[in-house]
Amino acid sequence: MATGKKTGGRQKGSLNKRTIALRKAIMELQPSGDDPMTFYLELLRNKAAPLDVREKAASQLMPYMHPKLTSIEARAGGMGHEERLEMLRAMLADANAEPDDASCVGSGVTAQGSSRTT
């Protein structure tokens, strides 16, 4: 058993086999690299590219094709549900308390509240 000193294995900072293979595959594909979106689109559309390279390209492009859905709280006029409900109840009570002009047409009362003479 080694005491305090690493004696074998991969050197610090060296690449593993998968990373080396991935970089080699990307170099063989020769994407243009004009901009990041074009780069990933070329990788995604290349049928000769390994599946994991195409999968990574798809995951990088996904936010541009399908935006993430977020939940938002709908607030109208800065009032919550309870405040709006209370306001509507007050409006309903006011509407029921005031006489309607249409209901006074046949009763002989004018809009000013005086009786009509016929």
PDB file of N, CA and C in Angstrom:
ATOM      1  N   MET A   1       0.831  -1.174   0.000  1.00  0.00           N
ATOM      2  CA  MET A   1       0.000   0.000   0.000  1.00  0.00           C
ATOM      3  C   MET A   1       0.880   1.243   0.000  1.00  0.00           C
ATOM      4  N   ALA A   2       0.574   2.201  -0.874  1.00  0.00           N
ATOM      5  CA  ALA A   2       1.376   3.416  -0.980  1.00  0.00           C
ATOM      6  C   ALA A   2       1.085   4.326   0.202  1.00  0.00           C
ATOM      7  N   THR A   3       2.092   5.010   0.667  1.00  0.00           N
ATOM      8  CA  THR A   3       1.919   5.890   1.820  1.00  0.00           C
ATOM      9  C   THR A   3       2.067   7.336   1.384  1.00  0.00           C
ATOM     10  N   GLY A   4       0.932   8.035   1.191  1.00  0.00           N
ATOM     11  CA  GLY A   4       0.926   9.460   0.927  1.00  0.00           C
ATOM     12  C   GLY A   4       1.293   9.905  -0.476  1.00  0.00           C
ATOM     13  N   LYS A   5       1.798   9.045  -1.327  1.00  0.00           N
ATOM     14  CA  LYS A   5       2.197   9.454  -2.676  1.00  0.00           C
ATOM     15  C   LYS A   5       1.514   8.558  -3.707  1.00  0.00           C
ATOM     16  N   LYS A   6       0.936   9.208  -4.718  1.00  0.00           N
ATOM     17  CA  LYS A   6       0.283   8.466  -5.781  1.00  0.00           C
ATOM     18  C   LYS A   6       1.353   7.872  -6.687  1.00  0.00           C
ATOM     19  N   THR A   7       1.261   6.574  -6.933  1.00  0.00           N
ATOM     20  CA  THR A   7       2.311   5.918  -7.703  1.00  0.00           C
ATOM     21  C   THR A   7       1.862   5.449  -9.081  1.00  0.00           C
ATOM     22  N   GLY A   8       0.565   5.427  -9.360  1.00  0.00           N
ATOM     23  CA  GLY A   8       0.125   4.935 -10.656  1.00  0.00           C
ATOM     24  C   GLY A   8      -1.111   5.653 -11.128  1.00  0.00           C
ATOM     25  N   GLY A   9      -1.639   5.235 -12.252  1.00  0.00           N
ATOM     26  CA  GLY A   9      -2.869   5.816 -12.787  1.00  0.00           C
ATOM     27  C   GLY A   9      -2.596   6.935 -13.775  1.00  0.00           C
ATOM     28  N   ARG A  10      -3.656   7.597 -14.151  1.00  0.00           N
ATOM     29  CA  ARG A  10      -3.573   8.664 -15.138  1.00  0.00           C
ATOM     30  C   ARG A  10      -2.976   9.917 -14.497  1.00  0.00           C
ATOM     31  N   GLN A  11      -2.170  10.632 -15.249  1.00  0.00           N
ATOM     32  CA  GLN A  11      -1.573  11.873 -14.763  1.00  0.00           C
ATOM     33  C   GLN A  11      -2.645  12.947 -14.607  1.00  0.00           C
ATOM     34  N   LYS A  12      -2.486  13.832 -13.645  1.00  0.00           N
ATOM     35  CA  LYS A  12      -3.421  14.920 -13.396  1.00  0.00           C
ATOM     36  C   LYS A  12      -3.522  15.807 -14.636  1.00  0.00           C
ATOM     37  N   GLY A  13      -4.740  16.077 -15.071  1.00  0.00           N
ATOM     38  CA  GLY A  13      -4.976  16.941 -16.225  1.00  0.00           C
ATOM     39  C   GLY A  13      -4.980  16.230 -17.565  1.00  0.00           C
ATOM     40  N   SER A  14      -4.623  14.964 -17.598  1.00  0.00           N
ATOM     41  CA  SER A  14      -4.637  14.243 -18.873  1.00  0.00           C
ATOM     42  C   SER A  14      -6.069  13.838 -19.213  1.00  0.00           C
ATOM     43  N   LEU A  15      -6.343  13.677 -20.495  1.00  0.00           N
ATOM     44  CA  LEU A  15      -7.698  13.384 -20.964  1.00  0.00           C
ATOM     45  C   LEU A  15      -7.970  11.885 -20.909  1.00  0.00           C
ATOM     46  N   ASN A  16      -9.246  11.530 -20.633  1.00  0.00           N
ATOM     47  CA  ASN A  16      -9.605  10.115 -20.655  1.00  0.00           C
ATOM     48  C   ASN A  16      -9.912   9.689 -22.096  1.00  0.00           C
ATOM     49  N   LYS A  17     -10.118   8.389 -22.288  1.00  0.00           N
ATOM     50  CA  LYS A  17     -10.309   7.844 -23.642  1.00  0.00           C
ATOM     51  C   LYS A  17     -11.544   8.431 -24.321  1.00  0.00           C
ATOM     52  N   ARG A  18     -12.600   8.611 -23.573  1.00  0.00           N
ATOM     53  CA  ARG A  18     -13.844   9.132 -24.158  1.00  0.00           C
ATOM     54  C   ARG A  18     -13.656  10.560 -24.662  1.00  0.00           C
ATOM     55  N   THR A  19     -13.002  11.416 -23.869  1.00  0.00           N
ATOM     56  CA  THR A  19     -12.777  12.801 -24.279  1.00  0.00           C
ATOM     57  C   THR A  19     -11.878  12.859 -25.508  1.00  0.00           C
ATOM     58  N   ILE A  20     -10.849  12.013 -25.532  1.00  0.00           N
ATOM     59  CA  ILE A  20      -9.956  11.972 -26.701  1.00  0.00           C
ATOM     60  C   ILE A  20     -10.732  11.550 -27.939  1.00  0.00           C
ATOM     61  N   ALA A  21     -11.576  10.529 -27.822  1.00  0.00           N
ATOM     62  CA  ALA A  21     -12.370  10.053 -28.963  1.00  0.00           C
ATOM     63  C   ALA A  21     -13.365  11.121 -29.417  1.00  0.00           C
ATOM     64  N   LEU A  22     -13.975  11.831 -28.475  1.00  0.00           N
ATOM     65  CA  LEU A  22     -14.939  12.876 -28.809  1.00  0.00           C
ATOM     66  C   LEU A  22     -14.258  14.010 -29.569  1.00  0.00           C
ATOM     67  N   ARG A  23     -13.125  14.451 -29.075  1.00  0.00           N
ATOM     68  CA  ARG A  23     -12.400  15.531 -29.751  1.00  0.00           C
ATOM     69  C   ARG A  23     -11.931  15.102 -31.141  1.00  0.00           C
ATOM     70  N   LYS A  24     -11.501  13.859 -31.267  1.00  0.00           N
ATOM     71  CA  LYS A  24     -11.062  13.345 -32.569  1.00  0.00           C
ATOM     72  C   LYS A  24     -12.234  13.314 -33.552  1.00  0.00           C
ATOM     73  N   ALA A  25     -13.419  12.883 -33.072  1.00  0.00           N
ATOM     74  CA  ALA A  25     -14.608  12.823 -33.934  1.00  0.00           C
ATOM     75  C   ALA A  25     -15.013  14.217 -34.386  1.00  0.00           C
ATOM     76  N   ILE A  26     -14.939  15.193 -33.503  1.00  0.00           N
ATOM     77  CA  ILE A  26     -15.303  16.569 -33.868  1.00  0.00           C
ATOM     78  C   ILE A  26     -14.324  17.124 -34.887  1.00  0.00           C
ATOM     79  N   MET A  27     -13.059  16.833 -34.716  1.00  0.00           N
ATOM     80  CA  MET A  27     -12.066  17.313 -35.681  1.00  0.00           C
ATOM     81  C   MET A  27     -12.269  16.676 -37.050  1.00  0.00           C
ATOM     82  N   GLU A  28     -12.689  15.424 -37.087  1.00  0.00           N
ATOM     83  CA  GLU A  28     -12.931  14.742 -38.362  1.00  0.00           C
ATOM     84  C   GLU A  28     -14.172  15.284 -39.071  1.00  0.00           C
ATOM     85  N   LEU A  29     -15.144  15.767 -38.311  1.00  0.00           N
ATOM     86  CA  LEU A  29     -16.386  16.264 -38.904  1.00  0.00           C
ATOM     87  C   LEU A  29     -16.200  17.607 -39.588  1.00  0.00           C
ATOM     88  N   GLN A  30     -15.211  18.368 -39.188  1.00  0.00           N
ATOM     89  CA  GLN A  30     -14.890  19.654 -39.782  1.00  0.00           C
ATOM     90  C   GLN A  30     -16.079  20.622 -39.805  1.00  0.00           C
ATOM     91  N   PRO A  31     -16.711  20.914 -38.670  1.00  0.00           N
ATOM     92  CA  PRO A  31     -17.776  21.922 -38.693  1.00  0.00           C
ATOM     93  C   PRO A  31     -17.171  23.306 -38.933  1.00  0.00           C
ATOM     94  N   SER A  32     -17.951  24.178 -39.539  1.00  0.00           N
ATOM     95  CA  SER A  32     -17.421  25.487 -39.933  1.00  0.00           C
ATOM     96  C   SER A  32     -17.060  26.335 -38.718  1.00  0.00           C
ATOM     97  N   GLY A  33     -17.915  26.336 -37.693  1.00  0.00           N
ATOM     98  CA  GLY A  33     -17.622  27.118 -36.502  1.00  0.00           C
ATOM     99  C   GLY A  33     -17.805  28.609 -36.690  1.00  0.00           C
ATOM    100  N   ASP A  34     -18.626  29.022 -37.678  1.00  0.00           N
ATOM    101  CA  ASP A  34     -18.881  30.452 -37.876  1.00  0.00           C
ATOM    102  C   ASP A  34     -19.469  31.080 -36.613  1.00  0.00           C
ATOM    103  N   ASP A  35     -20.452  30.435 -36.061  1.00  0.00           N
ATOM    104  CA  ASP A  35     -21.046  30.850 -34.797  1.00  0.00           C
ATOM    105  C   ASP A  35     -21.502  29.591 -34.069  1.00  0.00           C
ATOM    106  N   PRO A  36     -21.752  29.659 -32.791  1.00  0.00           N
ATOM    107  CA  PRO A  36     -22.095  28.447 -32.038  1.00  0.00           C
ATOM    108  C   PRO A  36     -23.336  27.726 -32.559  1.00  0.00           C
ATOM    109  N   MET A  37     -24.343  28.450 -32.987  1.00  0.00           N
ATOM    110  CA  MET A  37     -25.566  27.809 -33.450  1.00  0.00           C
ATOM    111  C   MET A  37     -25.310  27.027 -34.739  1.00  0.00           C
ATOM    112  N   THR A  38     -24.562  27.615 -35.655  1.00  0.00           N
ATOM    113  CA  THR A  38     -24.223  26.924 -36.898  1.00  0.00           C
ATOM    114  C   THR A  38     -23.371  25.699 -36.619  1.00  0.00           C
ATOM    115  N   PHE A  39     -22.434  25.845 -35.702  1.00  0.00           N
ATOM    116  CA  PHE A  39     -21.558  24.736 -35.323  1.00  0.00           C
ATOM    117  C   PHE A  39     -22.384  23.544 -34.850  1.00  0.00           C
ATOM    118  N   TYR A  40     -23.293  23.775 -33.905  1.00  0.00           N
ATOM    119  CA  TYR A  40     -24.100  22.675 -33.370  1.00  0.00           C
ATOM    120  C   TYR A  40     -25.099  22.145 -34.393  1.00  0.00           C
ATOM    121  N   LEU A  41     -25.638  23.021 -35.248  1.00  0.00           N
ATOM    122  CA  LEU A  41     -26.550  22.545 -36.293  1.00  0.00           C
ATOM    123  C   LEU A  41     -25.845  21.610 -37.266  1.00  0.00           C
ATOM    124  N   GLU A  42     -24.620  21.945 -37.630  1.00  0.00           N
ATOM    125  CA  GLU A  42     -23.866  21.077 -38.542  1.00  0.00           C
ATOM    126  C   GLU A  42     -23.573  19.728 -37.893  1.00  0.00           C
ATOM    127  N   LEU A  43     -23.235  19.743 -36.614  1.00  0.00           N
ATOM    128  CA  LEU A  43     -22.994  18.477 -35.915  1.00  0.00           C
ATOM    129  C   LEU A  43     -24.275  17.651 -35.832  1.00  0.00           C
ATOM    130  N   LEU A  44     -25.377  18.307 -35.552  1.00  0.00           N
ATOM    131  CA  LEU A  44     -26.658  17.612 -35.407  1.00  0.00           C
ATOM    132  C   LEU A  44     -27.113  16.996 -36.731  1.00  0.00           C
ATOM    133  N   ARG A  45     -26.909  17.695 -37.809  1.00  0.00           N
ATOM    134  CA  ARG A  45     -27.379  17.223 -39.117  1.00  0.00           C
ATOM    135  C   ARG A  45     -26.451  16.213 -39.779  1.00  0.00           C
ATOM    136  N   ASN A  46     -25.251  16.067 -39.251  1.00  0.00           N
ATOM    137  CA  ASN A  46     -24.278  15.142 -39.842  1.00  0.00           C
ATOM    138  C   ASN A  46     -24.606  13.717 -39.392  1.00  0.00           C
ATOM    139  N   LYS A  47     -25.070  12.889 -40.313  1.00  0.00           N
ATOM    140  CA  LYS A  47     -25.455  11.506 -40.002  1.00  0.00           C
ATOM    141  C   LYS A  47     -24.248  10.636 -39.649  1.00  0.00           C
ATOM    142  N   ALA A  48     -23.040  11.040 -40.064  1.00  0.00           N
ATOM    143  CA  ALA A  48     -21.841  10.262 -39.777  1.00  0.00           C
ATOM    144  C   ALA A  48     -21.300  10.522 -38.372  1.00  0.00           C
ATOM    145  N   ALA A  49     -21.812  11.556 -37.722  1.00  0.00           N
ATOM    146  CA  ALA A  49     -21.335  11.896 -36.376  1.00  0.00           C
ATOM    147  C   ALA A  49     -21.799  10.845 -35.376  1.00  0.00           C
ATOM    148  N   PRO A  50     -20.984  10.568 -34.373  1.00  0.00           N
ATOM    149  CA  PRO A  50     -21.405   9.623 -33.333  1.00  0.00           C
ATOM    150  C   PRO A  50     -22.655  10.126 -32.613  1.00  0.00           C
ATOM    151  N   LEU A  51     -23.434   9.185 -32.096  1.00  0.00           N
ATOM    152  CA  LEU A  51     -24.696   9.541 -31.461  1.00  0.00           C
ATOM    153  C   LEU A  51     -24.507  10.480 -30.277  1.00  0.00           C
ATOM    154  N   ASP A  52     -23.485  10.257 -29.462  1.00  0.00           N
ATOM    155  CA  ASP A  52     -23.309  11.116 -28.291  1.00  0.00           C
ATOM    156  C   ASP A  52     -22.953  12.545 -28.689  1.00  0.00           C
ATOM    157  N   VAL A  53     -22.258  12.734 -29.814  1.00  0.00           N
ATOM    158  CA  VAL A  53     -21.943  14.077 -30.302  1.00  0.00           C
ATOM    159  C   VAL A  53     -23.220  14.757 -30.780  1.00  0.00           C
ATOM    160  N   ARG A  54     -24.029  14.029 -31.528  1.00  0.00           N
ATOM    161  CA  ARG A  54     -25.292  14.594 -32.018  1.00  0.00           C
ATOM    162  C   ARG A  54     -26.257  14.885 -30.866  1.00  0.00           C
ATOM    163  N   GLU A  55     -26.248  14.010 -29.864  1.00  0.00           N
ATOM    164  CA  GLU A  55     -27.111  14.217 -28.692  1.00  0.00           C
ATOM    165  C   GLU A  55     -26.707  15.480 -27.937  1.00  0.00           C
ATOM    166  N   LYS A  56     -25.416  15.692 -27.776  1.00  0.00           N
ATOM    167  CA  LYS A  56     -24.948  16.898 -27.098  1.00  0.00           C
ATOM    168  C   LYS A  56     -25.312  18.144 -27.910  1.00  0.00           C
ATOM    169  N   ALA A  57     -25.172  18.069 -29.221  1.00  0.00           N
ATOM    170  CA  ALA A  57     -25.542  19.198 -30.074  1.00  0.00           C
ATOM    171  C   ALA A  57     -27.033  19.499 -29.944  1.00  0.00           C
ATOM    172  N   ALA A  58     -27.847  18.452 -29.887  1.00  0.00           N
ATOM    173  CA  ALA A  58     -29.295  18.653 -29.739  1.00  0.00           C
ATOM    174  C   ALA A  58     -29.616  19.303 -28.406  1.00  0.00           C
ATOM    175  N   SER A  59     -28.938  18.877 -27.348  1.00  0.00           N
ATOM    176  CA  SER A  59     -29.224  19.463 -26.034  1.00  0.00           C
ATOM    177  C   SER A  59     -28.769  20.920 -25.967  1.00  0.00           C
ATOM    178  N   GLN A  60     -27.724  21.271 -26.705  1.00  0.00           N
ATOM    179  CA  GLN A  60     -27.272  22.662 -26.739  1.00  0.00           C
ATOM    180  C   GLN A  60     -28.227  23.545 -27.540  1.00  0.00           C
ATOM    181  N   LEU A  61     -28.868  22.977 -28.564  1.00  0.00           N
ATOM    182  CA  LEU A  61     -29.782  23.751 -29.414  1.00  0.00           C
ATOM    183  C   LEU A  61     -31.211  23.790 -28.884  1.00  0.00           C
ATOM    184  N   MET A  62     -31.548  22.883 -27.979  1.00  0.00           N
ATOM    185  CA  MET A  62     -32.924  22.782 -27.510  1.00  0.00           C
ATOM    186  C   MET A  62     -33.508  24.096 -26.969  1.00  0.00           C
ATOM    187  N   PRO A  63     -32.782  24.885 -26.170  1.00  0.00           N
ATOM    188  CA  PRO A  63     -33.379  26.135 -25.683  1.00  0.00           C
ATOM    189  C   PRO A  63     -33.762  27.117 -26.782  1.00  0.00           C
ATOM    190  N   TYR A  64     -33.139  26.999 -27.949  1.00  0.00           N
ATOM    191  CA  TYR A  64     -33.463  27.902 -29.051  1.00  0.00           C
ATOM    192  C   TYR A  64     -34.691  27.445 -29.827  1.00  0.00           C
ATOM    193  N   MET A  65     -34.999  26.152 -29.766  1.00  0.00           N
ATOM    194  CA  MET A  65     -36.145  25.610 -30.485  1.00  0.00           C
ATOM    195  C   MET A  65     -37.380  25.507 -29.596  1.00  0.00           C
ATOM    196  N   HIS A  66     -37.178  25.114 -28.350  1.00  0.00           N
ATOM    197  CA  HIS A  66     -38.285  24.898 -27.418  1.00  0.00           C
ATOM    198  C   HIS A  66     -37.970  25.594 -26.102  1.00  0.00           C
ATOM    199  N   PRO A  67     -38.492  26.800 -25.888  1.00  0.00           N
ATOM    200  CA  PRO A  67     -38.170  27.511 -24.653  1.00  0.00           C
ATOM    201  C   PRO A  67     -38.743  26.804 -23.432  1.00  0.00           C
ATOM    202  N   LYS A  68     -38.073  26.970 -22.305  1.00  0.00           N
ATOM    203  CA  LYS A  68     -38.539  26.367 -21.064  1.00  0.00           C
ATOM    204  C   LYS A  68     -39.809  27.075 -20.602  1.00  0.00           C
ATOM    205  N   LEU A  69     -40.748  26.302 -20.120  1.00  0.00           N
ATOM    206  CA  LEU A  69     -41.979  26.870 -19.600  1.00  0.00           C
ATOM    207  C   LEU A  69     -41.786  27.193 -18.127  1.00  0.00           C
ATOM    208  N   THR A  70     -42.237  28.358 -17.729  1.00  0.00           N
ATOM    209  CA  THR A  70     -42.139  28.743 -16.332  1.00  0.00           C
ATOM    210  C   THR A  70     -43.521  29.086 -15.819  1.00  0.00           C
ATOM    211  N   SER A  71     -43.710  28.902 -14.554  1.00  0.00           N
ATOM    212  CA  SER A  71     -44.996  29.257 -13.973  1.00  0.00           C
ATOM    213  C   SER A  71     -44.945  30.709 -13.533  1.00  0.00           C
ATOM    214  N   ILE A  72     -46.023  31.418 -13.788  1.00  0.00           N
ATOM    215  CA  ILE A  72     -46.110  32.815 -13.385  1.00  0.00           C
ATOM    216  C   ILE A  72     -47.411  33.012 -12.637  1.00  0.00           C
ATOM    217  N   GLU A  73     -47.423  33.968 -11.755  1.00  0.00           N
ATOM    218  CA  GLU A  73     -48.642  34.286 -11.020  1.00  0.00           C
ATOM    219  C   GLU A  73     -49.349  35.419 -11.743  1.00  0.00           C
ATOM    220  N   ALA A  74     -50.572  35.180 -12.124  1.00  0.00           N
ATOM    221  CA  ALA A  74     -51.346  36.195 -12.830  1.00  0.00           C
ATOM    222  C   ALA A  74     -51.886  37.196 -11.819  1.00  0.00           C
ATOM    223  N   ARG A  75     -51.528  38.445 -12.000  1.00  0.00           N
ATOM    224  CA  ARG A  75     -52.011  39.499 -11.117  1.00  0.00           C
ATOM    225  C   ARG A  75     -52.545  40.614 -11.995  1.00  0.00           C
ATOM    226  N   ALA A  76     -53.759  41.006 -11.754  1.00  0.00           N
ATOM    227  CA  ALA A  76     -54.380  42.081 -12.531  1.00  0.00           C
ATOM    228  C   ALA A  76     -54.521  43.303 -11.640  1.00  0.00           C
ATOM    229  N   GLY A  77     -53.853  44.372 -11.985  1.00  0.00           N
ATOM    230  CA  GLY A  77     -53.978  45.612 -11.241  1.00  0.00           C
ATOM    231  C   GLY A  77     -53.379  45.559  -9.849  1.00  0.00           C
ATOM    232  N   GLY A  78     -52.510  44.625  -9.580  1.00  0.00           N
ATOM    233  CA  GLY A  78     -51.875  44.545  -8.283  1.00  0.00           C
ATOM    234  C   GLY A  78     -52.766  43.975  -7.195  1.00  0.00           C
ATOM    235  N   MET A  79     -53.940  43.509  -7.553  1.00  0.00           N
ATOM    236  CA  MET A  79     -54.848  42.954  -6.552  1.00  0.00           C
ATOM    237  C   MET A  79     -54.857  41.435  -6.658  1.00  0.00           C
ATOM    238  N   GLY A  80     -54.973  40.802  -5.525  1.00  0.00           N
ATOM    239  CA  GLY A  80     -55.086  39.361  -5.500  1.00  0.00           C
ATOM    240  C   GLY A  80     -56.528  38.927  -5.661  1.00  0.00           C
ATOM    241  N   HIS A  81     -56.748  37.641  -5.590  1.00  0.00           N
ATOM    242  CA  HIS A  81     -58.081  37.078  -5.775  1.00  0.00           C
ATOM    243  C   HIS A  81     -59.063  37.583  -4.714  1.00  0.00           C
ATOM    244  N   GLU A  82     -58.645  37.586  -3.464  1.00  0.00           N
ATOM    245  CA  GLU A  82     -59.542  37.997  -2.385  1.00  0.00           C
ATOM    246  C   GLU A  82     -59.942  39.464  -2.515  1.00  0.00           C
ATOM    247  N   GLU A  83     -58.988  40.335  -2.863  1.00  0.00           N
ATOM    248  CA  GLU A  83     -59.304  41.761  -3.005  1.00  0.00           C
ATOM    249  C   GLU A  83     -60.277  41.991  -4.157  1.00  0.00           C
ATOM    250  N   ARG A  84     -60.059  41.297  -5.273  1.00  0.00           N
ATOM    251  CA  ARG A  84     -60.964  41.465  -6.413  1.00  0.00           C
ATOM    252  C   ARG A  84     -62.358  40.946  -6.091  1.00  0.00           C
ATOM    253  N   LEU A  85     -62.436  39.847  -5.369  1.00  0.00           N
ATOM    254  CA  LEU A  85     -63.724  39.291  -4.978  1.00  0.00           C
ATOM    255  C   LEU A  85     -64.479  40.252  -4.074  1.00  0.00           C
ATOM    256  N   GLU A  86     -63.780  40.851  -3.129  1.00  0.00           N
ATOM    257  CA  GLU A  86     -64.420  41.819  -2.222  1.00  0.00           C
ATOM    258  C   GLU A  86     -64.893  43.053  -2.992  1.00  0.00           C
ATOM    259  N   MET A  87     -64.088  43.513  -3.973  1.00  0.00           N
ATOM    260  CA  MET A  87     -64.469  44.661  -4.781  1.00  0.00           C
ATOM    261  C   MET A  87     -65.718  44.347  -5.607  1.00  0.00           C
ATOM    262  N   LEU A  88     -65.794  43.156  -6.180  1.00  0.00           N
ATOM    263  CA  LEU A  88     -66.959  42.773  -6.975  1.00  0.00           C
ATOM    264  C   LEU A  88     -68.206  42.646  -6.104  1.00  0.00           C
ATOM    265  N   ARG A  89     -68.049  42.140  -4.889  1.00  0.00           N
ATOM    266  CA  ARG A  89     -69.195  42.070  -3.968  1.00  0.00           C
ATOM    267  C   ARG A  89     -69.704  43.459  -3.616  1.00  0.00           C
ATOM    268  N   ALA A  90     -68.794  44.408  -3.407  1.00  0.00           N
ATOM    269  CA  ALA A  90     -69.195  45.789  -3.097  1.00  0.00           C
ATOM    270  C   ALA A  90     -69.908  46.415  -4.294  1.00  0.00           C
ATOM    271  N   MET A  91     -69.401  46.148  -5.511  1.00  0.00           N
ATOM    272  CA  MET A  91     -70.045  46.682  -6.714  1.00  0.00           C
ATOM    273  C   MET A  91     -71.446  46.094  -6.876  1.00  0.00           C
ATOM    274  N   LEU A  92     -71.600  44.811  -6.574  1.00  0.00           N
ATOM    275  CA  LEU A  92     -72.904  44.168  -6.675  1.00  0.00           C
ATOM    276  C   LEU A  92     -73.868  44.743  -5.650  1.00  0.00           C
ATOM    277  N   ALA A  93     -73.382  44.989  -4.434  1.00  0.00           N
ATOM    278  CA  ALA A  93     -74.238  45.582  -3.396  1.00  0.00           C
ATOM    279  C   ALA A  93     -74.658  46.991  -3.788  1.00  0.00           C
ATOM    280  N   ASP A  94     -73.751  47.781  -4.376  1.00  0.00           N
ATOM    281  CA  ASP A  94     -74.096  49.130  -4.827  1.00  0.00           C
ATOM    282  C   ASP A  94     -75.110  49.084  -5.956  1.00  0.00           C
ATOM    283  N   ALA A  95     -74.963  48.150  -6.872  1.00  0.00           N
ATOM    284  CA  ALA A  95     -75.887  48.043  -8.001  1.00  0.00           C
ATOM    285  C   ALA A  95     -77.283  47.640  -7.523  1.00  0.00           C
ATOM    286  N   ASN A  96     -77.361  46.796  -6.520  1.00  0.00           N
ATOM    287  CA  ASN A  96     -78.666  46.375  -6.000  1.00  0.00           C
ATOM    288  C   ASN A  96     -79.314  47.469  -5.165  1.00  0.00           C
ATOM    289  N   ALA A  97     -78.556  48.359  -4.564  1.00  0.00           N
ATOM    290  CA  ALA A  97     -79.095  49.419  -3.719  1.00  0.00           C
ATOM    291  C   ALA A  97     -79.644  50.580  -4.533  1.00  0.00           C
ATOM    292  N   GLU A  98     -79.090  50.883  -5.701  1.00  0.00           N
ATOM    293  CA  GLU A  98     -79.520  52.005  -6.533  1.00  0.00           C
ATOM    294  C   GLU A  98     -80.676  51.575  -7.429  1.00  0.00           C
ATOM    295  N   PRO A  99     -81.732  52.414  -7.537  1.00  0.00           N
ATOM    296  CA  PRO A  99     -82.835  52.071  -8.441  1.00  0.00           C
ATOM    297  C   PRO A  99     -82.391  52.202  -9.891  1.00  0.00           C
ATOM    298  N   ASP A 100     -82.894  51.346 -10.713  1.00  0.00           N
ATOM    299  CA  ASP A 100     -82.570  51.313 -12.127  1.00  0.00           C
ATOM    300  C   ASP A 100     -83.525  52.230 -12.876  1.00  0.00           C
ATOM    301  N   ASP A 101     -83.023  53.036 -13.834  1.00  0.00           N
ATOM    302  CA  ASP A 101     -83.882  53.933 -14.628  1.00  0.00           C
ATOM    303  C   ASP A 101     -84.906  53.152 -15.424  1.00  0.00           C
ATOM    304  N   ALA A 102     -84.581  51.991 -15.912  1.00  0.00           N
ATOM    305  CA  ALA A 102     -85.484  51.202 -16.730  1.00  0.00           C
ATOM    306  C   ALA A 102     -86.655  50.691 -15.897  1.00  0.00           C
ATOM    307  N   SER A 103     -86.426  50.427 -14.611  1.00  0.00           N
ATOM    308  CA  SER A 103     -87.517  49.919 -13.778  1.00  0.00           C
ATOM    309  C   SER A 103     -88.471  51.025 -13.361  1.00  0.00           C
ATOM    310  N   CYS A 104     -88.079  52.290 -13.529  1.00  0.00           N
ATOM    311  CA  CYS A 104     -88.918  53.412 -13.120  1.00  0.00           C
ATOM    312  C   CYS A 104     -89.764  53.948 -14.262  1.00  0.00           C
ATOM    313  N   VAL A 105     -89.664  53.413 -15.467  1.00  0.00           N
ATOM    314  CA  VAL A 105     -90.346  53.957 -16.636  1.00  0.00           C
ATOM    315  C   VAL A 105     -91.861  53.920 -16.474  1.00  0.00           C
ATOM    316  N   GLY A 106     -92.408  52.832 -16.058  1.00  0.00           N
ATOM    317  CA  GLY A 106     -93.861  52.729 -15.981  1.00  0.00           C
ATOM    318  C   GLY A 106     -94.434  53.146 -14.645  1.00  0.00           C
ATOM    319  N   SER A 107     -93.624  53.574 -13.700  1.00  0.00           N
ATOM    320  CA  SER A 107     -94.133  53.862 -12.368  1.00  0.00           C
ATOM    321  C   SER A 107     -94.483  55.313 -12.145  1.00  0.00           C
ATOM    322  N   GLY A 108     -94.224  56.196 -13.105  1.00  0.00           N
ATOM    323  CA  GLY A 108     -94.552  57.600 -12.956  1.00  0.00           C
ATOM    324  C   GLY A 108     -93.459  58.385 -12.259  1.00  0.00           C
ATOM    325  N   VAL A 109     -92.290  57.821 -12.053  1.00  0.00           N
ATOM    326  CA  VAL A 109     -91.188  58.523 -11.400  1.00  0.00           C
ATOM    327  C   VAL A 109     -90.152  58.847 -12.455  1.00  0.00           C
ATOM    328  N   THR A 110     -89.694  60.116 -12.491  1.00  0.00           N
ATOM    329  CA  THR A 110     -88.682  60.525 -13.461  1.00  0.00           C
ATOM    330  C   THR A 110     -87.300  60.218 -12.910  1.00  0.00           C
ATOM    331  N   ALA A 111     -86.285  60.486 -13.711  1.00  0.00           N
ATOM    332  CA  ALA A 111     -84.908  60.205 -13.316  1.00  0.00           C
ATOM    333  C   ALA A 111     -84.485  61.033 -12.114  1.00  0.00           C
ATOM    334  N   GLN A 112     -85.115  62.248 -11.934  1.00  0.00           N
ATOM    335  CA  GLN A 112     -84.762  63.095 -10.799  1.00  0.00           C
ATOM    336  C   GLN A 112     -85.509  62.659  -9.541  1.00  0.00           C
ATOM    337  N   GLY A 113     -86.406  61.755  -9.640  1.00  0.00           N
ATOM    338  CA  GLY A 113     -87.118  61.253  -8.472  1.00  0.00           C
ATOM    339  C   GLY A 113     -88.465  61.932  -8.242  1.00  0.00           C
ATOM    340  N   SER A 114     -88.868  62.880  -9.078  1.00  0.00           N
ATOM    341  CA  SER A 114     -90.170  63.544  -8.893  1.00  0.00           C
ATOM    342  C   SER A 114     -91.241  62.803  -9.679  1.00  0.00           C
ATOM    343  N   SER A 115     -92.498  62.998  -9.292  1.00  0.00           N
ATOM    344  CA  SER A 115     -93.597  62.313  -9.968  1.00  0.00           C
ATOM    345  C   SER A 115     -93.982  63.083 -11.210  1.00  0.00           C
ATOM    346  N   ARG A 116     -94.442  62.353 -12.209  1.00  0.00           N
ATOM    347  CA  ARG A 116     -94.923  62.978 -13.444  1.00  0.00           C
ATOM    348  C   ARG A 116     -96.405  63.311 -13.277  1.00  0.00           C
ATOM    349  N   THR A 117     -96.767  64.389 -13.887  1.00  0.00           N
ATOM    350  CA  THR A 117     -98.189  64.723 -13.939  1.00  0.00           C
ATOM    351  C   THR A 117     -98.710  64.450 -15.319  1.00  0.00           C
ATOM    352  N   THR A 118     -99.845  63.811 -15.387  1.00  0.00           N
ATOM    353  CA  THR A 118    -100.406  63.498 -16.690  1.00  0.00           C
ATOM    354  C   THR A 118    -101.721  64.181 -16.907  1.00  0.00           C
TER     355      THR A 118
END
